Structures are given as structure tokens and as C-alpha cells.
Amino acid sequence: MEQFHPRQTPIASNTNRVMQQQSCPPEVAIDLSALFYSLLFPSTQLSGTANELEKNVFRRVEAALSSPKAIAERVLKLPTQVAALDQQLADENSDTKALLSLIERDPVLSVEVLKLCNSPLFKRSDKEITSLQLALVQLGREQMRRFVTTAMMRKVIDIQPIYFRRFGSQVWRHSMQVAYLSSELSQDDPDTAFLLGLLHDVGKIAIFKLLLEAFKQAEPGEQPCSSLFRQVMTAKSLSLSALLARYWELPSLFEAELSRLAIVDSKPAGGLAEVVWRANLISECSMLFEAGKLKPEQLDKLLFDAAIDSETFEQMHHKLVQF
């Protein structure tokens, strides 16, 4: 499975060696209805029944949808200061010194923010940013708000053991891309679009953590193989994202827009949901194109759905591969 991510390093854990045993036949054609899972898992059935591992995951996901509060508190706990910090950064009248002091209370958060400020993707000049105060002066509140939120949400996807960290890194990279694209595509509220894009896949993270629990009971080498699994997980993860937004007590806008995204086989018409829907599709195309998993005719169809031309996609793709 190492071919799924070109940036991966070899993994030598016992868990990985067991999981690499092939319990599935050769992979079938890519499933356009579940693009992201096409990157993460092999699919060997265009339709058909789920194996025992997949059924186990289905049961866990249904339980999570019935009791999202338990998932929000046990499986995917949002850092308590996310909403408070985001609100203060959005308020131009809030005290700058108090705000910086609040961020600096978390050394890990401070370091992560500075890393983002100085990363090749976001760095604006040759001069290195060495303090949060300098970052706020040079970048402004809006960009600082995005960096702080990004650094805090990064903590949410800590997945163990190392084998599953690969999946977490893929979801995080995708979420970062969608957040960036959402802010670029939004004409009315790029900051809220950024955060919504960053949050849209928290349901996938929750499902991966449930998948980890299910693997403990699975037969050696058993993996998610059916297209049914990919389609169900695509739909259910967005519903779970919306429910988690509610139980994290985020502004009601987030649950409403995520719920619109969760409607299967339907492109949202207007609003932030449509922005994130397009950003998500463009990111999926970019990641699958990078992995060599999309045929030219498939890419053309998807770009038509995303309402962008091939030249624009090439420009976006060049930027996205840096994430």
C-alpha cells in the first residue's frame, strides 16, 4: 500500500506487515462516487457485499451517528480554545496583547503557528518570522486567524499506531487543500470558508479512529475492499462532520452548511456549501492526478463538474502539491 502516498517513508512495524498481506483481489477501476477513498483503500468490487471488517465499521459508524456526543468527547475531542481564539481573532477590536498572550500559553501551538508562517507555501518574504507578534504585524489578523485554527485542528488527527498515521496525514493534507481552495473560491467570506473547509472532513478522522478499533477484531490481512464501503463512508462521514460541529458548539452556520454537503448525489446550490463542495472535488482530483489514478477523460468530467477549466486546474494543482 505504499504507493498511495509518494511522500511516505518505509514502515517496519508488525502491524504494517500484517496489514500488507493481500486479502483482496487486484484493484478494479476507480469509483468516481467516492474519490477520496479511492486514494486510501483498494477497491476490488464495483458492488457487492461488505466483509466482516467493513460490517464492523458500519455498525460503529451508525452508533456514532446515533450518539455523536460520545464521539465528540471520546474519539475526536476538539481543543477547547479553538472557538474562543477564532472569535477573538475575528474581532478587530479585541486586545492584541491579550490575544498573543492567550496563544503563547500553549508552546506547541506557538511553534506550529510559526512553522506555518515560515513554510515555503505561505512565506511572504525572505525574512524569517521569529515571534507571534511579528507574525501578526506582517500577516494581519485574517491570515493569523487561519494559521492558529489550522495548528489547533492539526492536533485532532493524531492517529496511532504508525500504520494509520499515513491515513491521517492524507486526510489532513486534503483538509488543508480544501481549506485553502475554499478561501480562494469564496467571494463573500473567505475566512469562514477556510475554517469550514478545514472542518469538513472531521467525520473521516472519526471514522478512521473507529476503523482502528475494528482492525483489532479483524482477521489477519483483512482490509476494506468493496466499493460499497467507500460509498457508505463518503456519505456517512459528512453527516458525522455536521453532527460533530453541533456538539463542539460551533456557530450554527457550520452544522447547516456541512449538513447540505452531506446530501448524497447532490451538488449544493449556492452558499459556502457549494464553495467547499467545489474545493473538495478539486483537491480530490489533484491528489488522485498526482498519484496517477485518474484517466484524462475522468479528469475532464470532474473538472467540468467543479466548474473550472484544465488550465486553471493546472495552476491550482501546482500549488496544491506543495501541501
Protein backbone atom coordinates (compact mmCIF):
# COMPACT_ATOMS: atom_id res chain seq x y z
CA MET A 1 0.00 0.00 0.00
CA GLU A 2 2.99 2.31 -0.02
CA GLN A 3 2.08 3.61 -3.47
CA PHE A 4 -0.83 5.60 -2.06
CA HIS A 5 1.39 8.47 -0.88
CA PRO A 6 4.60 9.39 -2.68
CA ARG A 7 5.97 11.15 0.41
CA GLN A 8 5.76 8.14 2.69
CA THR A 9 8.69 6.65 4.49
CA PRO A 10 9.06 2.88 4.90
CA ILE A 11 7.19 1.43 7.86
CA ALA A 12 8.55 -1.59 9.60
CA SER A 13 6.01 -2.16 12.38
CA ASN A 14 4.44 -5.56 12.93
CA THR A 15 1.02 -4.01 12.37
CA ASN A 16 2.02 -2.77 8.94
CA ARG A 17 3.49 -6.12 7.89
CA VAL A 18 0.27 -7.86 8.86
CA MET A 19 -1.90 -5.31 7.08
CA GLN A 20 0.15 -5.57 3.89
CA GLN A 21 -0.88 -9.19 3.45
CA GLN A 22 -3.22 -9.16 0.48
CA SER A 23 -6.67 -10.37 1.46
CA CYS A 24 -8.22 -8.61 -1.54
CA PRO A 25 -8.05 -9.40 -5.28
CA PRO A 26 -6.49 -6.89 -7.72
CA GLU A 27 -7.98 -3.41 -7.66
CA VAL A 28 -10.82 -2.51 -10.03
CA ALA A 29 -11.48 0.78 -11.82
CA ILE A 30 -11.66 3.96 -9.78
CA ASP A 31 -15.03 4.76 -8.20
CA LEU A 32 -15.92 8.36 -9.10
CA SER A 33 -18.63 8.46 -6.41
CA ALA A 34 -16.07 8.00 -3.63
CA LEU A 35 -12.94 9.63 -4.92
CA PHE A 36 -11.03 10.19 -1.70
CA TYR A 37 -11.43 6.61 -0.53
CA SER A 38 -10.09 5.52 -3.91
CA LEU A 39 -6.81 7.05 -2.81
CA LEU A 40 -6.76 5.36 0.59
CA PHE A 41 -8.16 1.89 0.05
CA PRO A 42 -8.05 -0.67 -2.76
CA SER A 43 -11.42 -1.49 -4.27
CA THR A 44 -11.98 -4.96 -5.68
CA GLN A 45 -15.77 -4.96 -6.08
CA LEU A 46 -17.78 -2.49 -8.14
CA SER A 47 -20.70 -3.58 -5.98
CA GLY A 48 -21.39 -6.43 -3.66
CA THR A 49 -21.32 -7.38 -0.04
CA ALA A 50 -19.14 -5.97 2.70
CA ASN A 51 -16.65 -8.18 4.51
CA GLU A 52 -16.75 -8.65 8.28
CA LEU A 53 -14.34 -5.78 8.93
CA GLU A 54 -16.48 -3.41 6.88
CA LYS A 55 -19.67 -4.56 8.62
CA ASN A 56 -17.97 -3.93 11.96
CA VAL A 57 -17.09 -0.39 10.87
CA PHE A 58 -20.64 0.21 9.57
CA ARG A 59 -22.04 -0.73 12.99
CA ARG A 60 -19.62 1.59 14.77
CA VAL A 61 -20.40 4.48 12.44
CA GLU A 62 -24.16 4.02 12.87
CA ALA A 63 -23.64 4.05 16.64
CA ALA A 64 -21.59 7.24 16.28
CA LEU A 65 -24.36 8.91 14.27
CA SER A 66 -26.84 7.92 16.96
CA SER A 67 -24.62 9.29 19.72
CA PRO A 68 -22.32 11.99 18.30
CA LYS A 69 -21.79 13.45 21.76
CA ALA A 70 -19.91 10.30 22.80
CA ILE A 71 -17.75 10.51 19.67
CA ALA A 72 -17.10 14.21 20.24
CA GLU A 73 -15.95 13.53 23.80
CA ARG A 74 -14.21 10.16 23.44
CA VAL A 75 -12.94 9.72 19.87
CA LEU A 76 -12.47 13.20 18.43
CA LYS A 77 -12.25 15.88 21.08
CA LEU A 78 -11.95 19.43 19.80
CA PRO A 79 -9.38 21.59 21.61
CA THR A 80 -11.48 23.77 23.91
CA GLN A 81 -9.82 27.04 22.92
CA VAL A 82 -10.47 26.75 19.17
CA ALA A 83 -13.79 28.59 19.15
CA ALA A 84 -12.67 31.22 21.68
CA LEU A 85 -9.45 32.03 19.85
CA ASP A 86 -11.15 32.10 16.46
CA GLN A 87 -13.75 34.54 17.79
CA GLN A 88 -11.12 36.85 19.26
CA LEU A 89 -9.02 36.81 16.11
CA ALA A 90 -12.10 37.67 14.07
CA ASP A 91 -12.85 40.67 16.32
CA GLU A 92 -10.71 43.63 15.20
CA ASN A 93 -11.45 45.38 18.49
CA SER A 94 -10.03 42.63 20.70
CA ASP A 95 -6.86 43.43 22.60
CA THR A 96 -3.79 42.33 20.63
CA LYS A 97 -1.55 41.77 23.64
CA ALA A 98 -4.16 39.67 25.43
CA LEU A 99 -4.69 37.66 22.27
CA LEU A 100 -0.98 36.94 21.81
CA SER A 101 -0.68 36.03 25.47
CA LEU A 102 -3.50 33.53 25.07
CA ILE A 103 -1.76 31.85 22.13
CA GLU A 104 1.63 31.84 23.86
CA ARG A 105 0.19 29.87 26.79
CA ASP A 106 0.37 26.85 24.50
CA PRO A 107 4.03 26.44 23.45
CA VAL A 108 3.22 23.70 20.95
CA LEU A 109 0.58 25.89 19.32
CA SER A 110 3.03 28.80 19.13
CA VAL A 111 5.66 26.64 17.45
CA GLU A 112 3.18 25.21 14.95
CA VAL A 113 1.94 28.68 14.01
CA LEU A 114 5.49 29.91 13.42
CA LYS A 115 6.22 26.82 11.31
CA LEU A 116 3.25 27.63 9.10
CA CYS A 117 4.29 31.28 8.85
CA ASN A 118 7.74 30.27 7.62
CA SER A 119 6.74 27.35 5.40
CA PRO A 120 7.55 27.68 1.68
CA LEU A 121 3.85 27.59 0.86
CA PHE A 122 2.90 30.63 2.95
CA LYS A 123 6.13 32.58 3.44
CA ARG A 124 5.79 36.09 2.03
CA SER A 125 9.39 37.31 2.22
CA ASP A 126 12.94 36.09 2.70
CA LYS A 127 12.91 37.38 6.27
CA GLU A 128 12.08 34.70 8.82
CA ILE A 129 9.21 35.36 11.23
CA THR A 130 10.54 34.68 14.73
CA SER A 131 7.68 35.77 17.00
CA LEU A 132 3.89 35.71 17.09
CA GLN A 133 3.83 39.49 17.42
CA LEU A 134 5.88 39.85 14.23
CA ALA A 135 3.63 37.34 12.52
CA LEU A 136 0.55 39.35 13.47
CA VAL A 137 2.11 42.58 12.20
CA GLN A 138 3.34 41.11 8.89
CA LEU A 139 0.45 38.78 8.14
CA GLY A 140 -2.52 40.56 9.67
CA ARG A 141 -5.36 39.15 11.72
CA GLU A 142 -7.06 37.25 8.91
CA GLN A 143 -4.03 35.15 7.96
CA MET A 144 -3.05 34.74 11.61
CA ARG A 145 -6.56 33.50 12.33
CA ARG A 146 -6.22 30.83 9.66
CA PHE A 147 -2.81 29.72 10.90
CA VAL A 148 -3.92 29.45 14.54
CA THR A 149 -7.04 27.48 13.62
CA THR A 150 -5.02 25.20 11.34
CA ALA A 151 -2.40 24.50 14.01
CA MET A 152 -5.06 23.72 16.62
CA MET A 153 -7.07 21.45 14.35
CA ARG A 154 -3.89 19.54 13.49
CA LYS A 155 -3.97 18.10 16.99
CA VAL A 156 -7.32 16.46 16.32
CA ILE A 157 -5.96 13.95 13.80
CA ASP A 158 -3.35 12.25 15.98
CA ILE A 159 -3.87 8.64 14.90
CA GLN A 160 -2.00 5.64 16.30
CA PRO A 161 -0.31 3.30 15.56
CA ILE A 162 2.07 4.47 12.86
CA TYR A 163 0.41 2.45 10.09
CA PHE A 164 -2.76 4.53 10.44
CA ARG A 165 -0.84 7.77 10.67
CA ARG A 166 -0.49 7.55 6.89
CA PHE A 167 -4.25 7.75 6.51
CA GLY A 168 -4.42 10.63 8.96
CA SER A 169 -1.76 12.52 7.02
CA GLN A 170 -3.71 12.05 3.79
CA VAL A 171 -6.93 13.35 5.36
CA TRP A 172 -5.09 16.29 6.90
CA ARG A 173 -3.38 17.17 3.62
CA HIS A 174 -6.74 17.01 1.85
CA SER A 175 -8.38 19.17 4.54
CA MET A 176 -5.62 21.77 4.22
CA GLN A 177 -6.07 21.84 0.46
CA VAL A 178 -9.85 22.21 0.73
CA ALA A 179 -9.47 25.00 3.30
CA TYR A 180 -7.06 26.87 1.03
CA LEU A 181 -9.20 26.37 -2.07
CA SER A 182 -12.39 27.35 -0.23
CA SER A 183 -10.87 30.65 0.83
CA GLU A 184 -9.71 31.26 -2.74
CA LEU A 185 -13.08 30.40 -4.29
CA SER A 186 -15.24 32.28 -1.78
CA GLN A 187 -16.20 35.78 -2.83
CA ASP A 188 -18.11 36.74 0.30
CA ASP A 189 -16.49 35.21 3.40
CA PRO A 190 -13.09 33.60 2.72
CA ASP A 191 -12.19 33.23 6.41
CA THR A 192 -15.32 31.27 7.32
CA ALA A 193 -14.91 29.29 4.09
CA PHE A 194 -11.37 28.41 5.16
CA LEU A 195 -12.49 27.07 8.53
CA LEU A 196 -15.43 25.20 7.02
CA GLY A 197 -13.09 23.58 4.51
CA LEU A 198 -10.74 22.62 7.31
CA LEU A 199 -13.60 21.05 9.30
CA HIS A 200 -15.49 19.33 6.51
CA ASP A 201 -13.60 16.04 6.88
CA VAL A 202 -13.51 15.66 10.67
CA GLY A 203 -16.07 12.89 10.17
CA LYS A 204 -13.46 10.97 8.15
CA ILE A 205 -10.99 11.30 11.01
CA ALA A 206 -13.58 9.93 13.42
CA ILE A 207 -14.27 7.02 11.07
CA PHE A 208 -10.58 6.22 10.76
CA LYS A 209 -10.33 6.05 14.53
CA LEU A 210 -13.33 3.73 14.58
CA LEU A 211 -11.66 1.69 11.82
CA LEU A 212 -8.61 1.34 14.04
CA GLU A 213 -10.79 -0.17 16.77
CA ALA A 214 -12.39 -2.53 14.25
CA PHE A 215 -8.99 -3.72 12.97
CA LYS A 216 -8.24 -5.07 16.44
CA GLN A 217 -11.03 -7.61 15.92
CA ALA A 218 -10.39 -8.32 12.24
CA GLU A 219 -8.84 -11.39 10.68
CA PRO A 220 -5.13 -11.03 9.75
CA GLY A 221 -4.75 -9.14 6.49
CA GLU A 222 -8.42 -8.18 6.25
CA GLN A 223 -8.91 -4.73 4.69
CA PRO A 224 -11.75 -2.53 3.41
CA CYS A 225 -12.12 -3.69 -0.21
CA SER A 226 -15.63 -3.08 -1.52
CA SER A 227 -16.93 -0.04 -3.35
CA LEU A 228 -19.93 -0.28 -1.01
CA PHE A 229 -17.64 0.56 1.91
CA ARG A 230 -16.25 3.59 0.10
CA GLN A 231 -19.66 4.91 -0.90
CA VAL A 232 -21.17 4.47 2.56
CA MET A 233 -18.18 6.06 4.27
CA THR A 234 -18.24 9.03 1.87
CA ALA A 235 -21.85 9.81 2.76
CA LYS A 236 -21.69 8.97 6.45
CA SER A 237 -18.50 10.92 7.14
CA LEU A 238 -20.09 14.21 6.05
CA SER A 239 -23.15 13.59 8.23
CA LEU A 240 -20.84 12.87 11.14
CA SER A 241 -18.90 16.10 10.45
CA ALA A 242 -22.14 18.09 10.72
CA LEU A 243 -23.12 16.41 13.99
CA LEU A 244 -19.66 16.95 15.47
CA ALA A 245 -19.89 20.66 14.63
CA ARG A 246 -23.07 20.83 16.69
CA TYR A 247 -21.65 19.04 19.71
CA TRP A 248 -18.50 21.12 19.58
CA GLU A 249 -20.87 24.11 19.92
CA LEU A 250 -19.53 25.83 16.83
CA PRO A 251 -21.69 28.56 15.23
CA SER A 252 -24.86 27.04 13.75
CA LEU A 253 -23.71 28.02 10.24
CA PHE A 254 -21.14 25.20 10.28
CA GLU A 255 -23.62 22.43 11.04
CA ALA A 256 -26.07 23.85 8.48
CA GLU A 257 -23.53 24.04 5.65
CA LEU A 258 -21.99 20.65 6.48
CA SER A 259 -25.49 19.11 6.50
CA ARG A 260 -26.05 20.47 2.99
CA LEU A 261 -22.78 18.84 1.92
CA ALA A 262 -23.93 15.52 3.36
CA ILE A 263 -26.85 15.17 0.92
CA VAL A 264 -25.80 12.27 -1.30
CA ASP A 265 -25.51 12.75 -5.08
CA SER A 266 -26.40 16.42 -4.88
CA LYS A 267 -24.28 19.50 -5.56
CA PRO A 268 -25.21 22.28 -3.11
CA ALA A 269 -26.62 25.33 -4.86
CA GLY A 270 -25.00 28.48 -3.59
CA GLY A 271 -23.56 29.46 -0.23
CA LEU A 272 -20.46 28.17 1.49
CA ALA A 273 -21.53 24.55 1.00
CA GLU A 274 -21.14 24.92 -2.78
CA VAL A 275 -17.75 26.59 -2.33
CA VAL A 276 -16.48 23.74 -0.15
CA TRP A 277 -18.06 21.14 -2.48
CA ARG A 278 -16.09 22.54 -5.43
CA ALA A 279 -12.90 22.88 -3.35
CA ASN A 280 -13.25 19.27 -2.17
CA LEU A 281 -13.67 17.98 -5.73
CA ILE A 282 -10.67 19.97 -7.00
CA SER A 283 -8.49 18.68 -4.14
CA GLU A 284 -9.55 15.08 -4.78
CA CYS A 285 -8.76 15.48 -8.47
CA SER A 286 -5.35 16.92 -7.63
CA MET A 287 -4.42 14.16 -5.19
CA LEU A 288 -5.61 11.37 -7.49
CA PHE A 289 -3.95 13.00 -10.51
CA GLU A 290 -0.71 13.23 -8.53
CA ALA A 291 -0.99 9.52 -7.68
CA GLY A 292 -1.65 8.60 -11.33
CA LYS A 293 -5.13 7.27 -10.58
CA LEU A 294 -7.22 9.43 -12.94
CA LYS A 295 -7.61 8.91 -16.68
CA PRO A 296 -7.73 12.09 -18.81
CA GLU A 297 -11.41 11.60 -19.66
CA GLN A 298 -12.26 11.11 -15.97
CA LEU A 299 -10.37 14.26 -15.02
CA ASP A 300 -12.13 16.28 -17.75
CA LYS A 301 -15.55 15.17 -16.49
CA LEU A 302 -14.72 16.02 -12.87
CA LEU A 303 -13.28 19.43 -13.76
CA PHE A 304 -16.48 20.19 -15.67
CA ASP A 305 -18.45 19.34 -12.52
CA ALA A 306 -16.13 21.58 -10.48
CA ALA A 307 -16.71 24.43 -12.98
CA ILE A 308 -13.03 25.02 -13.78
CA ASP A 309 -11.03 24.59 -16.97
CA SER A 310 -7.91 22.48 -17.37
CA GLU A 311 -5.58 25.49 -17.38
CA THR A 312 -6.97 26.75 -14.08
CA PHE A 313 -6.68 23.25 -12.63
CA GLU A 314 -3.03 23.01 -13.66
CA GLN A 315 -2.31 26.26 -11.82
CA MET A 316 -4.17 25.05 -8.72
CA HIS A 317 -2.55 21.62 -8.86
CA HIS A 318 0.92 23.18 -8.95
CA LYS A 319 0.04 24.98 -5.71
CA LEU A 320 -1.70 22.03 -4.05
CA VAL A 321 1.20 19.59 -4.44
CA GLN A 322 3.15 21.82 -2.05
CA PHE A 323 0.81 20.89 0.84
